[in-house]
Amino acid sequence: MLLSFRVANHGSLREPQELNFVPAYEDDRPAVTVVAIYGANASGKSTVVDAYRFFTEAVKDSQAKWLPGAPVPRRPFLLDHVSREEPASYAADLVVDGVRYVYGFSVTDAAVGEEWLYAYPKARKRVLFERDGMKIDYGATLTGERVAAERIMRPNSLYLSAAAQSAHRLLSGIWKAVASKPTVVTDDYRQAVTHALAGAFVAEGFEELRRVGLPVGAEVLAAADLGVHGVRPAAGRNAALERVGIPETISAGLAQAMSKQLEFVHRVGDEEFVLPVEAESAGTKTWLNLVFRALLAVLHGDQLWIDEIDVSLHPLLTAKLLSLFQNPELNPLGAQLVFTTHDATLLGTMLGEQVLRRDQVWFVEKDAKTSASELYPLSDFKPRKGENFERRYLAGSYGAVPLLPETAFEDMVRKYWGAHGKAVPA
């Protein structure tokens, strides 16, 4: 379970920023299970998700996939001359097997500068390791083979990644908690395949849910009122995949899933019609893609990060997805959902219930002078329970909304008509 994530010098997040999951109000859990991030276009919402994606992918791939001597694929703040050369830093507080850990690192374009891992059993800090360049200092409590990882570690790879490759028992568990649990859905993820191949992501989730024994079918579709009465695997390969081919950027596991086809069952009167996945709407595939991943996250106690959750989804569907994570009975392992959105209706009530709690809402706002983004929680404004967050947000009380001249578009159109010697049509 993630307690906090900190980042500095990544994209528009120039200064240190923290996304804190520790409840600001009374809660039985150590961390909230849903976090919503609001902000104007180009404010930095997607950058928060991208920073977490980079953090987890660096842990996962730096030893295995980053080539020796290759530059670190980071994204520093580029709108001043100093930040371009300064390190970027990332850190997370997380609970693994009931123990709190703090893990982080800093990187330049060329190498890892610092890396650290601390444990807090019984709330007392214990150093597991601290790295400065290629030098590692170990804490007395870190047992097991440590030198093997140090031998294969490179200037541009993380020690935690090398330790996982060396099968260090404790560090492999921390690596798995950071690198293999989150699913991050970004625009790049959505566009990894063409529209004809989009159903492969659905097929992958569908097959995994079948493997863990969760029956999936009409009930998932009925919950969304999609007009589809059933979904099932079809025999044979997907003809659309064979026509288009599988891009090289797709992982081997996903490529295997893409070789399968799903069929969607529709009923019109007394007749049944079976359609291939590519004939379904973007909304149907988006819902199935997200709900399958949400179900898998809940079953395993994982994290699901979604950039622009409201793409192709009705607000009531989004609220239904959130409720899966909000309910302790349905989410006993504490799976977490983090998403960005413009959907202000989620700040209000739906069907008589508050969708988001006061400590589950965050905002991102970009400074007009520096173009650097600031991340801050709704709880900073000391909102009262039951307050109309939607109305106050849209009115600008919390910031993080676009500031446009009242007549910007109108003046532009008037100038156009004036330049062409015409009066504005009545």
Protein backbone atom coordinates (compact mmCIF):
# COMPACT_ATOMS: atom_id res chain seq x y z
CA MET A 1 0.00 0.00 0.00
CA LEU A 2 1.34 3.40 -1.02
CA LEU A 3 1.51 6.06 1.73
CA SER A 4 3.10 8.86 -0.29
CA PHE A 5 4.98 9.66 -3.49
CA ARG A 6 7.49 12.50 -3.79
CA VAL A 7 9.06 13.93 -6.93
CA ALA A 8 11.23 16.87 -7.93
CA ASN A 9 12.49 18.11 -11.29
CA HIS A 10 10.29 15.94 -13.48
CA GLY A 11 8.50 17.70 -16.32
CA SER A 12 6.66 20.74 -14.97
CA LEU A 13 7.14 19.50 -11.37
CA ARG A 14 10.27 21.58 -10.79
CA GLU A 15 10.15 21.98 -7.00
CA PRO A 16 9.66 18.99 -4.65
CA GLN A 17 6.01 17.87 -4.66
CA GLU A 18 4.28 15.20 -2.57
CA LEU A 19 1.12 13.21 -3.18
CA ASN A 20 0.11 12.02 0.28
CA PHE A 21 -2.26 9.09 0.79
CA VAL A 22 -2.37 9.23 4.60
CA PRO A 23 -5.95 10.09 5.62
CA ALA A 24 -6.43 13.67 6.77
CA TYR A 25 -9.58 12.65 8.62
CA GLU A 26 -10.59 9.67 10.68
CA ASP A 27 -10.03 6.39 8.87
CA ASP A 28 -9.36 2.79 9.86
CA ARG A 29 -6.88 2.31 7.01
CA PRO A 30 -3.31 3.65 6.89
CA ALA A 31 -3.91 5.14 3.42
CA VAL A 32 -6.84 6.27 1.33
CA THR A 33 -7.76 3.92 -1.50
CA VAL A 34 -8.87 6.57 -4.03
CA VAL A 35 -7.11 9.80 -5.06
CA ALA A 36 -8.45 12.20 -7.70
CA ILE A 37 -6.22 14.88 -9.24
CA TYR A 38 -7.87 17.96 -10.79
CA GLY A 39 -6.41 20.86 -12.75
CA ALA A 40 -6.68 22.95 -15.89
CA ASN A 41 -5.36 21.71 -19.22
CA ALA A 42 -1.54 21.68 -19.29
CA SER A 43 -1.41 22.26 -15.52
CA GLY A 44 0.69 19.17 -14.80
CA LYS A 45 -1.89 16.50 -13.89
CA SER A 46 -0.55 14.02 -16.41
CA THR A 47 2.99 14.83 -15.29
CA VAL A 48 2.21 13.50 -11.80
CA VAL A 49 1.11 10.19 -13.34
CA ASP A 50 4.10 10.20 -15.68
CA ALA A 51 6.49 10.81 -12.78
CA TYR A 52 5.13 7.74 -10.98
CA ARG A 53 5.35 5.75 -14.21
CA PHE A 54 9.03 6.71 -14.58
CA PHE A 55 9.72 5.87 -10.92
CA THR A 56 8.28 2.37 -11.21
CA GLU A 57 9.73 1.68 -14.67
CA ALA A 58 13.21 2.76 -13.55
CA VAL A 59 13.02 0.25 -10.70
CA LYS A 60 11.71 -2.41 -13.04
CA ASP A 61 13.90 -1.85 -16.09
CA SER A 62 17.11 0.04 -15.22
CA GLN A 63 19.20 -3.11 -14.70
CA ALA A 64 17.47 -5.32 -17.25
CA LYS A 65 16.73 -2.95 -20.14
CA TRP A 66 18.75 0.26 -19.88
CA LEU A 67 21.87 -0.28 -21.96
CA PRO A 68 25.33 0.21 -20.41
CA GLY A 69 26.46 3.79 -20.97
CA ALA A 70 23.05 4.87 -22.28
CA PRO A 71 21.54 8.11 -20.94
CA VAL A 72 18.92 7.90 -18.22
CA PRO A 73 15.53 8.49 -19.94
CA ARG A 74 14.38 11.16 -17.50
CA ARG A 75 12.36 14.34 -18.15
CA PRO A 76 13.81 17.31 -16.21
CA PHE A 77 12.18 20.75 -16.04
CA LEU A 78 13.29 22.50 -19.25
CA LEU A 79 12.11 26.08 -18.78
CA ASP A 80 15.13 27.36 -16.89
CA HIS A 81 18.87 26.83 -17.40
CA VAL A 82 19.56 25.38 -13.95
CA SER A 83 16.99 22.58 -13.67
CA ARG A 84 18.12 20.97 -16.92
CA GLU A 85 21.42 20.06 -15.26
CA GLU A 86 20.16 19.29 -11.76
CA PRO A 87 19.21 15.77 -10.60
CA ALA A 88 15.62 14.58 -10.63
CA SER A 89 14.51 12.76 -7.50
CA TYR A 90 11.75 10.26 -6.72
CA ALA A 91 10.73 8.56 -3.47
CA ALA A 92 7.85 6.53 -2.10
CA ASP A 93 6.63 5.53 1.35
CA LEU A 94 4.95 2.15 1.19
CA VAL A 95 3.82 -0.69 3.42
CA VAL A 96 5.03 -4.19 2.49
CA ASP A 97 3.97 -7.16 4.62
CA GLY A 98 2.98 -4.83 7.44
CA VAL A 99 6.29 -2.91 7.53
CA ARG A 100 6.73 0.67 6.33
CA TYR A 101 9.59 1.32 3.90
CA VAL A 102 10.93 4.50 2.32
CA TYR A 103 12.69 4.02 -1.00
CA GLY A 104 14.00 6.65 -3.39
CA PHE A 105 16.70 7.73 -5.80
CA SER A 106 18.03 10.71 -7.73
CA VAL A 107 19.27 10.64 -11.33
CA THR A 108 20.99 12.90 -13.81
CA ASP A 109 21.05 12.41 -17.57
CA ALA A 110 24.09 10.14 -17.18
CA ALA A 111 23.78 8.19 -13.94
CA VAL A 112 22.15 7.43 -10.61
CA GLY A 113 23.41 9.96 -8.09
CA GLU A 114 21.86 8.69 -4.87
CA GLU A 115 19.66 5.78 -3.81
CA TRP A 116 18.32 4.84 -0.40
CA LEU A 117 16.09 2.33 1.37
CA TYR A 118 14.92 2.59 4.97
CA ALA A 119 12.65 0.35 7.01
CA TYR A 120 10.49 1.40 9.96
CA PRO A 121 9.61 -1.71 11.97
CA LYS A 122 7.83 -0.60 15.14
CA ALA A 123 8.17 3.01 13.88
CA ARG A 124 11.96 3.06 14.35
CA LYS A 125 14.16 3.93 11.36
CA ARG A 126 16.60 1.29 10.15
CA VAL A 127 18.95 1.93 7.25
CA LEU A 128 19.00 -0.95 4.77
CA PHE A 129 21.30 0.73 2.27
CA GLU A 130 22.44 4.16 1.11
CA ARG A 131 24.14 4.76 -2.22
CA ASP A 132 26.30 7.66 -3.37
CA GLY A 133 27.35 7.21 -6.99
CA MET A 134 28.77 3.67 -7.18
CA LYS A 135 29.45 3.42 -3.44
CA ILE A 136 26.99 1.43 -1.30
CA ASP A 137 26.80 1.63 2.50
CA TYR A 138 24.77 -1.18 4.08
CA GLY A 139 22.85 -1.08 7.30
CA ALA A 140 23.43 -3.79 9.89
CA THR A 141 19.90 -5.13 9.44
CA LEU A 142 20.27 -5.91 5.72
CA THR A 143 21.22 -9.58 5.68
CA GLY A 144 21.68 -11.91 2.74
CA GLU A 145 23.93 -11.80 -0.31
CA ARG A 146 24.64 -8.14 -1.13
CA VAL A 147 27.86 -8.19 -3.14
CA ALA A 148 26.41 -10.04 -6.14
CA ALA A 149 24.06 -7.13 -6.84
CA GLU A 150 26.84 -4.61 -6.35
CA ARG A 151 28.98 -6.40 -8.94
CA ILE A 152 26.39 -6.16 -11.72
CA MET A 153 25.09 -2.67 -10.82
CA ARG A 154 26.02 0.01 -13.36
CA PRO A 155 26.26 3.81 -13.03
CA ASN A 156 22.92 4.08 -14.88
CA SER A 157 21.09 1.27 -13.06
CA LEU A 158 19.49 1.10 -9.62
CA TYR A 159 20.90 -1.12 -6.90
CA LEU A 160 17.38 -2.30 -6.02
CA SER A 161 16.94 -3.49 -9.62
CA ALA A 162 20.29 -5.29 -9.52
CA ALA A 163 19.39 -6.89 -6.18
CA ALA A 164 16.15 -8.23 -7.65
CA GLN A 165 18.10 -9.75 -10.55
CA SER A 166 20.43 -11.33 -8.00
CA ALA A 167 17.40 -12.83 -6.19
CA HIS A 168 18.08 -11.07 -2.87
CA ARG A 169 15.20 -12.27 -0.69
CA LEU A 170 14.22 -9.05 1.12
CA LEU A 171 15.13 -6.58 -1.63
CA SER A 172 13.33 -8.66 -4.26
CA GLY A 173 10.17 -8.26 -2.21
CA ILE A 174 10.59 -4.47 -2.08
CA TRP A 175 11.37 -4.44 -5.82
CA LYS A 176 8.19 -6.39 -6.54
CA ALA A 177 6.09 -4.04 -4.41
CA VAL A 178 7.41 -1.01 -6.33
CA ALA A 179 7.86 -2.31 -9.86
CA SER A 180 5.38 -5.07 -10.54
CA LYS A 181 2.22 -4.01 -8.72
CA PRO A 182 1.14 -0.72 -10.34
CA THR A 183 -0.74 -0.53 -13.63
CA VAL A 184 -0.38 2.93 -15.18
CA VAL A 185 -2.86 3.79 -17.92
CA THR A 186 -1.71 6.84 -19.91
CA ASP A 187 -2.42 8.13 -23.39
CA ASP A 188 0.70 6.33 -24.66
CA TYR A 189 -0.71 3.13 -23.20
CA ARG A 190 -4.04 3.70 -24.97
CA GLN A 191 -2.32 4.42 -28.27
CA ALA A 192 0.10 1.48 -28.08
CA VAL A 193 -2.11 -0.30 -30.58
CA THR A 194 -4.36 0.89 -33.34
CA HIS A 195 -8.14 1.08 -32.92
CA ALA A 196 -8.48 -2.32 -34.56
CA LEU A 197 -6.16 -3.84 -31.92
CA ALA A 198 -7.61 -2.07 -28.89
CA GLY A 199 -9.62 -5.09 -27.84
CA ALA A 200 -6.40 -6.98 -27.09
CA PHE A 201 -6.07 -5.07 -23.83
CA VAL A 202 -9.58 -6.25 -22.96
CA ALA A 203 -8.66 -9.80 -23.95
CA GLU A 204 -5.58 -9.75 -21.73
CA GLY A 205 -7.58 -8.72 -18.66
CA PHE A 206 -10.40 -11.11 -19.53
CA GLU A 207 -8.03 -14.08 -19.72
CA GLU A 208 -6.29 -13.20 -16.47
CA LEU A 209 -9.58 -12.92 -14.60
CA ARG A 210 -10.56 -16.34 -15.95
CA ARG A 211 -7.24 -17.75 -14.73
CA VAL A 212 -7.80 -16.52 -11.17
CA GLY A 213 -11.29 -18.00 -11.19
CA LEU A 214 -13.44 -14.86 -11.21
CA PRO A 215 -16.45 -15.38 -13.48
CA VAL A 216 -16.66 -12.52 -15.95
CA GLY A 217 -19.43 -12.07 -18.42
CA ALA A 218 -22.81 -10.47 -18.66
CA GLU A 219 -22.74 -9.01 -15.13
CA VAL A 220 -19.78 -6.73 -15.94
CA LEU A 221 -21.49 -5.49 -19.08
CA ALA A 222 -24.90 -5.19 -17.47
CA ALA A 223 -23.41 -2.98 -14.75
CA ALA A 224 -22.57 -0.44 -17.43
CA ASP A 225 -25.78 -0.78 -19.48
CA LEU A 226 -23.77 -1.16 -22.70
CA GLY A 227 -26.37 -3.11 -24.60
CA VAL A 228 -24.10 -6.16 -24.60
CA HIS A 229 -25.41 -9.33 -22.96
CA GLY A 230 -22.24 -11.38 -22.84
CA VAL A 231 -18.53 -11.58 -23.66
CA ARG A 232 -16.58 -14.75 -24.34
CA PRO A 233 -13.34 -15.91 -25.96
CA ALA A 234 -13.65 -16.89 -29.59
CA ALA A 235 -11.91 -19.70 -31.38
CA GLY A 236 -8.99 -18.95 -33.67
CA ARG A 237 -6.79 -15.91 -34.17
CA ASN A 238 -7.99 -12.37 -34.50
CA ALA A 239 -8.18 -11.64 -38.23
CA ALA A 240 -7.75 -7.91 -37.62
CA LEU A 241 -4.47 -8.58 -35.80
CA GLU A 242 -3.17 -10.69 -38.67
CA ARG A 243 -4.02 -7.93 -41.15
CA VAL A 244 -2.40 -5.12 -39.21
CA GLY A 245 0.40 -7.00 -37.47
CA ILE A 246 1.63 -6.61 -33.88
CA PRO A 247 3.81 -3.53 -33.24
CA GLU A 248 7.33 -4.17 -31.90
CA THR A 249 6.56 -1.94 -28.90
CA ILE A 250 4.06 -4.47 -27.54
CA SER A 251 5.33 -6.79 -24.81
CA ALA A 252 5.54 -10.54 -25.44
CA GLY A 253 2.81 -11.22 -22.90
CA LEU A 254 0.46 -8.75 -24.49
CA ALA A 255 1.31 -10.01 -27.96
CA GLN A 256 0.23 -13.47 -26.86
CA ALA A 257 -3.03 -12.07 -25.48
CA MET A 258 -3.56 -10.19 -28.74
CA SER A 259 -3.60 -13.46 -30.63
CA LYS A 260 -6.92 -14.21 -28.96
CA GLN A 261 -10.27 -12.84 -29.97
CA LEU A 262 -13.28 -11.89 -27.93
CA GLU A 263 -16.89 -12.12 -29.03
CA PHE A 264 -19.66 -9.83 -27.80
CA VAL A 265 -23.20 -11.15 -27.65
CA HIS A 266 -26.07 -8.78 -28.49
CA ARG A 267 -29.77 -9.63 -28.33
CA VAL A 268 -32.38 -7.91 -30.45
CA GLY A 269 -35.82 -9.28 -29.72
CA ASP A 270 -35.52 -13.07 -29.74
CA GLU A 271 -32.42 -13.09 -31.93
CA GLU A 272 -28.79 -13.29 -30.82
CA PHE A 273 -25.99 -11.53 -32.72
CA VAL A 274 -22.29 -12.14 -32.11
CA LEU A 275 -19.90 -9.29 -32.98
CA PRO A 276 -16.07 -9.16 -32.91
CA VAL A 277 -14.35 -6.76 -30.53
CA GLU A 278 -13.36 -4.32 -33.28
CA ALA A 279 -17.06 -3.77 -34.03
CA GLU A 280 -17.71 -2.53 -30.49
CA SER A 281 -17.69 1.13 -29.47
CA ALA A 282 -14.75 2.88 -27.84
CA GLY A 283 -16.86 3.29 -24.72
CA THR A 284 -17.51 -0.45 -24.43
CA LYS A 285 -13.83 -1.32 -24.84
CA THR A 286 -12.74 1.47 -22.47
CA TRP A 287 -15.14 0.30 -19.78
CA LEU A 288 -14.09 -3.35 -20.09
CA ASN A 289 -10.41 -2.44 -20.20
CA LEU A 290 -10.64 -0.34 -17.04
CA VAL A 291 -13.04 -2.57 -15.12
CA PHE A 292 -10.95 -5.68 -15.79
CA ARG A 293 -7.83 -3.90 -14.57
CA ALA A 294 -9.74 -2.54 -11.57
CA LEU A 295 -10.95 -6.03 -10.67
CA LEU A 296 -7.43 -7.42 -10.96
CA ALA A 297 -6.06 -4.60 -8.78
CA VAL A 298 -8.69 -5.27 -6.11
CA LEU A 299 -8.09 -9.03 -6.17
CA HIS A 300 -4.33 -8.60 -5.69
CA GLY A 301 -4.24 -5.40 -3.60
CA ASP A 302 -2.40 -3.51 -6.36
CA GLN A 303 -2.40 0.07 -7.59
CA LEU A 304 -4.16 1.39 -10.68
CA TRP A 305 -3.13 4.82 -12.00
CA ILE A 306 -5.30 6.24 -14.79
CA ASP A 307 -4.65 9.46 -16.66
CA GLU A 308 -7.94 11.06 -17.77
CA ILE A 309 -10.27 8.45 -16.37
CA ASP A 310 -13.28 10.21 -17.87
CA VAL A 311 -12.20 9.48 -21.49
CA SER A 312 -15.15 7.67 -23.11
CA LEU A 313 -16.82 7.04 -19.72
CA HIS A 314 -20.05 8.50 -18.36
CA PRO A 315 -19.67 10.06 -14.87
CA LEU A 316 -21.95 7.39 -13.36
CA LEU A 317 -19.66 4.67 -14.71
CA THR A 318 -16.62 6.43 -13.29
CA ALA A 319 -18.37 6.70 -9.91
CA LYS A 320 -19.17 2.99 -10.05
CA LEU A 321 -15.51 2.19 -10.68
CA LEU A 322 -14.50 4.37 -7.72
CA SER A 323 -16.99 2.64 -5.43
CA LEU A 324 -15.21 -0.67 -6.00
CA PHE A 325 -12.10 0.75 -4.35
CA GLN A 326 -13.98 2.76 -1.72
CA ASN A 327 -15.80 -0.23 -0.20
CA PRO A 328 -13.66 -2.02 2.47
CA GLU A 329 -15.77 -5.16 2.10
CA LEU A 330 -15.08 -5.39 -1.64
CA ASN A 331 -11.50 -4.12 -1.34
CA PRO A 332 -10.12 -5.84 1.78
CA LEU A 333 -6.50 -5.82 0.53
CA GLY A 334 -6.43 -2.03 0.15
CA ALA A 335 -5.99 -1.72 -3.62
CA GLN A 336 -5.54 1.92 -4.62
CA LEU A 337 -6.89 3.94 -7.55
CA VAL A 338 -5.21 7.20 -8.55
CA PHE A 339 -6.61 9.17 -11.47
CA THR A 340 -6.62 12.54 -13.17
CA THR A 341 -9.83 14.06 -14.43
CA HIS A 342 -11.74 17.19 -15.46
CA ASP A 343 -15.04 15.68 -14.35
CA ALA A 344 -16.23 18.09 -11.65
CA THR A 345 -19.41 16.07 -11.08
CA LEU A 346 -17.31 13.58 -9.12
CA LEU A 347 -16.75 16.32 -6.54
CA GLY A 348 -20.47 16.42 -5.82
CA THR A 349 -23.05 13.81 -4.92
CA MET A 350 -24.49 11.09 -7.14
CA LEU A 351 -27.63 9.23 -6.23
CA GLY A 352 -27.54 10.95 -2.84
CA GLU A 353 -23.98 9.94 -1.90
CA GLN A 354 -20.69 11.86 -1.87
CA VAL A 355 -18.43 10.32 -4.52
CA LEU A 356 -15.07 11.58 -3.20
CA ARG A 357 -14.04 12.30 0.36
CA ARG A 358 -12.36 15.56 1.37
CA ASP A 359 -8.94 13.89 1.71
CA GLN A 360 -9.16 12.12 -1.64
CA VAL A 361 -9.05 15.26 -3.81
CA TRP A 362 -5.87 16.96 -5.02
CA PHE A 363 -5.23 19.87 -7.37
CA VAL A 364 -2.41 20.82 -9.72
CA GLU A 365 -1.86 24.44 -10.71
CA LYS A 366 0.84 25.93 -12.92
CA ASP A 367 2.55 29.16 -11.91
CA ALA A 368 2.02 31.77 -14.62
CA LYS A 369 5.51 33.25 -14.19
CA THR A 370 7.66 30.13 -13.91
CA SER A 371 5.45 27.51 -15.65
CA ALA A 372 6.23 25.16 -12.75
CA SER A 373 3.39 23.04 -11.33
CA GLU A 374 2.30 22.85 -7.70
CA LEU A 375 0.43 19.89 -6.22
CA TYR A 376 -1.81 20.52 -3.20
CA PRO A 377 -4.75 18.81 -1.44
CA LEU A 378 -8.32 19.97 -0.95
CA SER A 379 -7.79 19.46 2.80
CA ASP A 380 -5.50 22.54 2.80
CA PHE A 381 -8.68 24.63 2.48
CA LYS A 382 -10.19 23.09 5.65
CA PRO A 383 -13.44 22.17 3.86
CA ARG A 384 -16.44 21.23 5.96
CA LYS A 385 -17.97 17.79 5.64
CA GLY A 386 -20.88 17.95 3.20
CA GLU A 387 -19.60 21.12 1.53
CA ASN A 388 -20.40 21.51 -2.17
CA PHE A 389 -16.89 20.89 -3.53
CA GLU A 390 -18.07 20.86 -7.14
CA ARG A 391 -19.57 24.35 -7.05
CA ARG A 392 -16.64 25.84 -5.16
CA TYR A 393 -14.09 24.25 -7.51
CA LEU A 394 -15.82 25.53 -10.64
CA ALA A 395 -16.09 28.97 -9.01
CA GLY A 396 -12.30 29.00 -8.59
CA SER A 397 -12.22 28.76 -4.78
CA TYR A 398 -9.53 26.08 -4.86
CA GLY A 399 -7.63 27.32 -7.91
CA ALA A 400 -6.56 24.77 -10.56
CA VAL A 401 -9.07 26.05 -13.12
CA PRO A 402 -8.31 27.76 -16.44
CA LEU A 403 -8.17 31.57 -16.29
CA LEU A 404 -9.43 32.88 -19.62
CA PRO A 405 -10.46 36.40 -20.63
CA GLU A 406 -14.24 36.46 -20.56
CA THR A 407 -14.55 37.39 -24.22
CA ALA A 408 -11.41 35.71 -25.60
CA PHE A 409 -13.12 33.55 -28.22
CA GLU A 410 -15.73 36.16 -29.06
CA ASP A 411 -13.06 38.84 -29.64
CA MET A 412 -11.13 36.47 -31.90
CA VAL A 413 -14.20 35.84 -34.07
CA ARG A 414 -15.04 39.56 -34.19
CA LYS A 415 -11.50 40.32 -35.41
CA TYR A 416 -11.90 37.71 -38.13
CA TRP A 417 -15.14 39.20 -39.41
CA GLY A 418 -13.71 42.72 -39.16
CA ALA A 419 -10.60 41.76 -41.15
CA HIS A 420 -12.85 40.50 -43.94
CA GLY A 421 -14.98 43.61 -43.97
CA LYS A 422 -18.08 41.85 -42.76
CA ALA A 423 -20.42 42.45 -39.89
CA VAL A 424 -20.91 39.64 -37.40
CA PRO A 425 -24.00 37.70 -38.57
CA ALA A 426 -27.03 38.18 -36.32
